[in-house]
Amino acid sequence: MAARPIDLIIFDCDGVLVDSEPISLAVLVDALDAAGVTMDAEEATDRFLGRSLKSMSDILHEDYGLAIDDHFLEKMRTALYARFRQELRPIDGVRAAVEALPIPFCVASSSQPERIRLSLAVTGLLDRFEPHIFSASMVERGKPAPDLFLHASAAMGIVPDACVVIEDSPAGVMAAQAAGMRVFAFAGGSHARGERHRQSLSRLQPDALFDDMRDLLQFVRKEHPTGT
């Protein structure tokens, strides 16, 4: 049976719309080091990429004995937002790709709502997505659970099998698949260009794997032939 045409694109934010992951991981590694947990960027990527704050906190508590408190979070958030305002850039070609989409779209991210909006505002993308912004803070379980993507599709009024998720992390790809959605894995962020990361995405057998956001439209048009 032919797949249902795409009626909604759900974008992850970090590493898909904005090239934030190297900044975020550097800030996290510094914060963990200050708290007595030594971890390099590669391990931090493996453990936390694409996961919600709650998931990250649970892992740190269970595996490292580190209890994340409000002081830790506020200090890390302050450092991160300062660097975002100075350094954050959009993924190359993403605004043109979004503006050319012939169907509705939204963003569903593991980040907190204020961080999503800051990221999109700094990179000039907020006007394209507001008010269709969904955060893992809105659901019980973060990625790789399907909750966030199911929440986004329900809020947008689109059934799951008519949705395509654009994700850069293994946790996000698994979440989309668990939600019964198609997923295009994006490996064009500056954190995702190594063969190791690409292989971690490929092993999950996404519906497409691409590294140039300008190619998104051709994938969408292939599965949504009535779009113009």
Protein backbone atom coordinates (compact mmCIF):
# COMPACT_ATOMS: atom_id res chain seq x y z
CA MET A 1 0.00 0.00 0.00
CA ALA A 2 1.36 3.43 -0.92
CA ALA A 3 2.34 5.71 1.94
CA ARG A 4 -0.09 8.47 2.82
CA PRO A 5 0.98 11.87 1.37
CA ILE A 6 2.84 14.15 3.77
CA ASP A 7 0.54 16.71 5.39
CA LEU A 8 2.86 18.01 8.13
CA ILE A 9 6.61 18.48 8.60
CA ILE A 10 7.77 18.37 12.22
CA PHE A 11 11.22 19.89 12.68
CA ASP A 12 13.49 19.25 15.60
CA CYS A 13 15.24 22.52 16.53
CA ASP A 14 18.79 21.95 17.78
CA GLY A 15 20.99 20.62 15.00
CA VAL A 16 18.17 20.83 12.44
CA LEU A 17 17.03 24.46 12.35
CA VAL A 18 19.91 25.98 14.32
CA ASP A 19 23.53 24.87 14.54
CA SER A 20 23.51 24.80 18.32
CA GLU A 21 24.78 21.39 19.35
CA PRO A 22 28.53 22.19 19.56
CA ILE A 23 27.75 25.21 21.75
CA SER A 24 25.30 23.28 23.94
CA LEU A 25 27.63 20.33 24.41
CA ALA A 26 30.59 22.58 25.27
CA VAL A 27 28.54 24.41 27.91
CA LEU A 28 27.29 21.09 29.32
CA VAL A 29 30.79 19.58 29.50
CA ASP A 30 32.06 22.69 31.33
CA ALA A 31 29.13 22.59 33.79
CA LEU A 32 29.64 18.89 34.48
CA ASP A 33 33.37 19.41 35.01
CA ALA A 34 32.63 22.14 37.55
CA ALA A 35 30.28 19.69 39.31
CA GLY A 36 32.95 16.97 39.44
CA VAL A 37 31.85 14.83 36.47
CA THR A 38 34.53 14.49 33.80
CA MET A 39 33.13 13.85 30.33
CA ASP A 40 34.41 14.73 26.87
CA ALA A 41 32.26 16.07 24.04
CA GLU A 42 32.05 12.70 22.30
CA GLU A 43 30.65 10.96 25.37
CA ALA A 44 28.28 13.86 26.04
CA THR A 45 27.03 13.57 22.47
CA ASP A 46 26.45 9.82 22.83
CA ARG A 47 24.66 10.16 26.15
CA PHE A 48 22.60 13.33 25.76
CA LEU A 49 22.14 14.40 22.13
CA GLY A 50 18.47 14.98 21.39
CA ARG A 51 17.28 14.15 24.90
CA SER A 52 15.13 16.25 27.18
CA LEU A 53 16.37 17.96 30.31
CA LYS A 54 14.52 15.40 32.43
CA SER A 55 16.11 12.51 30.55
CA MET A 56 19.55 14.09 30.93
CA SER A 57 18.96 14.67 34.64
CA ASP A 58 17.86 11.06 35.14
CA ILE A 59 20.98 9.73 33.37
CA LEU A 60 23.31 11.94 35.40
CA HIS A 61 21.66 10.90 38.65
CA GLU A 62 21.53 7.17 37.87
CA ASP A 63 24.92 6.76 36.18
CA TYR A 64 27.06 9.47 37.79
CA GLY A 65 25.39 10.17 41.13
CA LEU A 66 24.92 13.83 40.21
CA ALA A 67 21.69 15.44 41.34
CA ILE A 68 20.80 18.36 39.07
CA ASP A 69 19.48 21.27 41.12
CA ASP A 70 18.10 24.68 40.20
CA HIS A 71 21.45 26.40 40.79
CA PHE A 72 23.22 24.05 38.36
CA LEU A 73 20.53 24.55 35.73
CA GLU A 74 20.40 28.31 36.07
CA LYS A 75 24.18 28.66 35.84
CA MET A 76 24.29 26.45 32.75
CA ARG A 77 21.32 28.24 31.18
CA THR A 78 22.91 31.66 31.69
CA ALA A 79 26.16 30.56 30.06
CA LEU A 80 24.33 28.87 27.19
CA TYR A 81 22.03 31.79 26.38
CA ALA A 82 24.94 34.23 26.43
CA ARG A 83 26.81 32.11 23.91
CA PHE A 84 23.70 31.66 21.78
CA ARG A 85 23.26 35.42 21.51
CA GLN A 86 26.85 35.78 20.35
CA GLU A 87 27.49 32.64 18.30
CA LEU A 88 24.32 30.84 17.24
CA ARG A 89 23.66 30.56 13.51
CA PRO A 90 20.87 28.94 11.49
CA ILE A 91 21.54 25.75 9.59
CA ASP A 92 22.69 26.75 6.12
CA GLY A 93 19.77 27.00 3.70
CA VAL A 94 17.06 26.30 6.28
CA ARG A 95 15.04 29.49 5.95
CA ALA A 96 14.72 29.15 2.19
CA ALA A 97 13.76 25.48 2.60
CA VAL A 98 11.08 26.29 5.16
CA GLU A 99 9.65 29.15 3.12
CA ALA A 100 9.35 26.88 0.06
CA LEU A 101 7.43 24.11 1.83
CA PRO A 102 3.99 23.53 0.27
CA ILE A 103 2.49 22.08 3.47
CA PRO A 104 2.19 23.04 7.15
CA PHE A 105 5.14 22.65 9.50
CA CYS A 106 6.01 23.07 13.16
CA VAL A 107 8.90 22.58 15.57
CA ALA A 108 9.03 19.94 18.32
CA SER A 109 12.17 20.03 20.44
CA SER A 110 13.54 18.48 23.61
CA SER A 111 14.56 21.97 24.74
CA GLN A 112 12.57 24.23 27.05
CA PRO A 113 10.14 26.66 25.33
CA GLU A 114 12.18 29.75 26.19
CA ARG A 115 15.32 28.18 24.74
CA ILE A 116 13.52 27.19 21.52
CA ARG A 117 12.18 30.71 21.08
CA LEU A 118 15.55 32.30 21.84
CA SER A 119 17.26 29.99 19.33
CA LEU A 120 14.73 30.81 16.62
CA ALA A 121 14.74 34.53 17.40
CA VAL A 122 18.54 34.85 17.32
CA THR A 123 18.67 33.04 13.97
CA GLY A 124 15.78 34.95 12.37
CA LEU A 125 13.42 31.96 12.21
CA LEU A 126 10.91 32.68 14.95
CA ASP A 127 8.43 34.41 12.65
CA ARG A 128 8.25 31.30 10.48
CA PHE A 129 7.29 28.95 13.34
CA GLU A 130 5.35 30.95 15.93
CA PRO A 131 2.96 29.83 17.40
CA HIS A 132 3.51 26.21 16.35
CA ILE A 133 6.29 25.47 18.84
CA PHE A 134 6.20 22.32 20.97
CA SER A 135 8.56 21.37 23.79
CA ALA A 136 9.28 18.15 25.66
CA SER A 137 8.20 20.05 28.78
CA MET A 138 4.65 19.68 27.46
CA VAL A 139 4.64 15.86 27.69
CA GLU A 140 5.45 13.22 30.28
CA ARG A 141 8.26 11.46 28.46
CA GLY A 142 11.00 12.92 26.27
CA LYS A 143 12.69 11.38 23.25
CA PRO A 144 13.21 8.53 22.41
CA ALA A 145 9.61 8.11 23.60
CA PRO A 146 7.06 9.21 20.96
CA ASP A 147 5.07 11.52 23.24
CA LEU A 148 6.33 14.87 21.93
CA PHE A 149 5.78 14.10 18.27
CA LEU A 150 2.33 12.66 18.96
CA HIS A 151 1.46 15.78 20.95
CA ALA A 152 2.63 18.02 18.09
CA SER A 153 0.70 16.13 15.43
CA ALA A 154 -2.47 16.12 17.53
CA ALA A 155 -2.19 19.85 18.19
CA MET A 156 -1.71 20.47 14.46
CA GLY A 157 -4.66 18.22 13.61
CA ILE A 158 -2.66 15.77 11.46
CA VAL A 159 -2.64 11.98 11.90
CA PRO A 160 0.80 10.47 12.66
CA ASP A 161 1.22 8.55 9.42
CA ALA A 162 0.81 11.79 7.44
CA CYS A 163 3.71 13.40 9.31
CA VAL A 164 7.42 13.50 8.53
CA VAL A 165 9.91 14.37 11.25
CA ILE A 166 13.27 16.02 10.49
CA GLU A 167 15.75 14.85 13.14
CA ASP A 168 19.50 14.88 13.71
CA SER A 169 19.79 12.56 16.72
CA PRO A 170 19.33 8.82 17.16
CA ALA A 171 16.96 9.50 20.08
CA GLY A 172 14.84 11.72 17.84
CA VAL A 173 14.78 9.23 14.98
CA MET A 174 13.64 6.51 17.38
CA ALA A 175 10.95 8.79 18.80
CA ALA A 176 9.57 9.54 15.35
CA GLN A 177 9.53 5.86 14.41
CA ALA A 178 7.82 4.97 17.69
CA ALA A 179 5.17 7.58 16.86
CA GLY A 180 4.44 5.85 13.55
CA MET A 181 5.83 8.74 11.54
CA ARG A 182 8.28 8.86 8.68
CA VAL A 183 11.61 10.43 9.53
CA PHE A 184 14.26 12.16 7.46
CA ALA A 185 17.59 12.11 9.32
CA PHE A 186 19.61 15.29 8.87
CA ALA A 187 23.39 15.04 9.14
CA GLY A 188 24.33 18.56 8.07
CA GLY A 189 24.85 20.20 11.45
CA SER A 190 28.46 20.84 12.41
CA HIS A 191 28.21 18.15 15.12
CA ALA A 192 26.84 15.52 12.74
CA ARG A 193 29.25 15.49 9.80
CA GLY A 194 31.54 12.75 11.04
CA GLU A 195 31.11 9.22 9.74
CA ARG A 196 30.48 7.90 13.25
CA HIS A 197 27.39 10.04 13.73
CA ARG A 198 26.16 9.38 10.22
CA GLN A 199 26.43 5.63 10.81
CA SER A 200 24.51 5.91 14.09
CA LEU A 201 21.65 7.49 12.14
CA SER A 202 21.90 5.10 9.21
CA ARG A 203 21.66 2.05 11.47
CA LEU A 204 18.16 3.17 12.47
CA GLN A 205 17.03 3.03 8.83
CA PRO A 206 15.35 6.43 8.51
CA ASP A 207 13.23 7.05 5.42
CA ALA A 208 15.92 9.40 4.12
CA LEU A 209 19.37 10.56 5.25
CA PHE A 210 20.59 13.89 3.95
CA ASP A 211 23.13 16.58 4.82
CA ASP A 212 22.02 19.64 2.84
CA MET A 213 18.82 21.37 3.93
CA ARG A 214 18.34 22.61 0.38
CA ASP A 215 17.54 18.99 -0.55
CA LEU A 216 14.54 18.82 1.80
CA LEU A 217 12.07 20.12 -0.74
CA GLN A 218 12.75 17.34 -3.22
CA PHE A 219 12.03 14.69 -0.56
CA VAL A 220 8.79 16.43 0.39
CA ARG A 221 7.66 16.80 -3.21
CA LYS A 222 8.37 13.13 -3.88
CA GLU A 223 6.01 12.08 -1.05
CA HIS A 224 3.54 14.95 -1.45
CA PRO A 225 3.09 15.10 -5.23
CA THR A 226 0.11 17.43 -5.06
CA GLY A 227 2.24 20.14 -3.40
CA THR A 228 3.38 23.05 -5.56
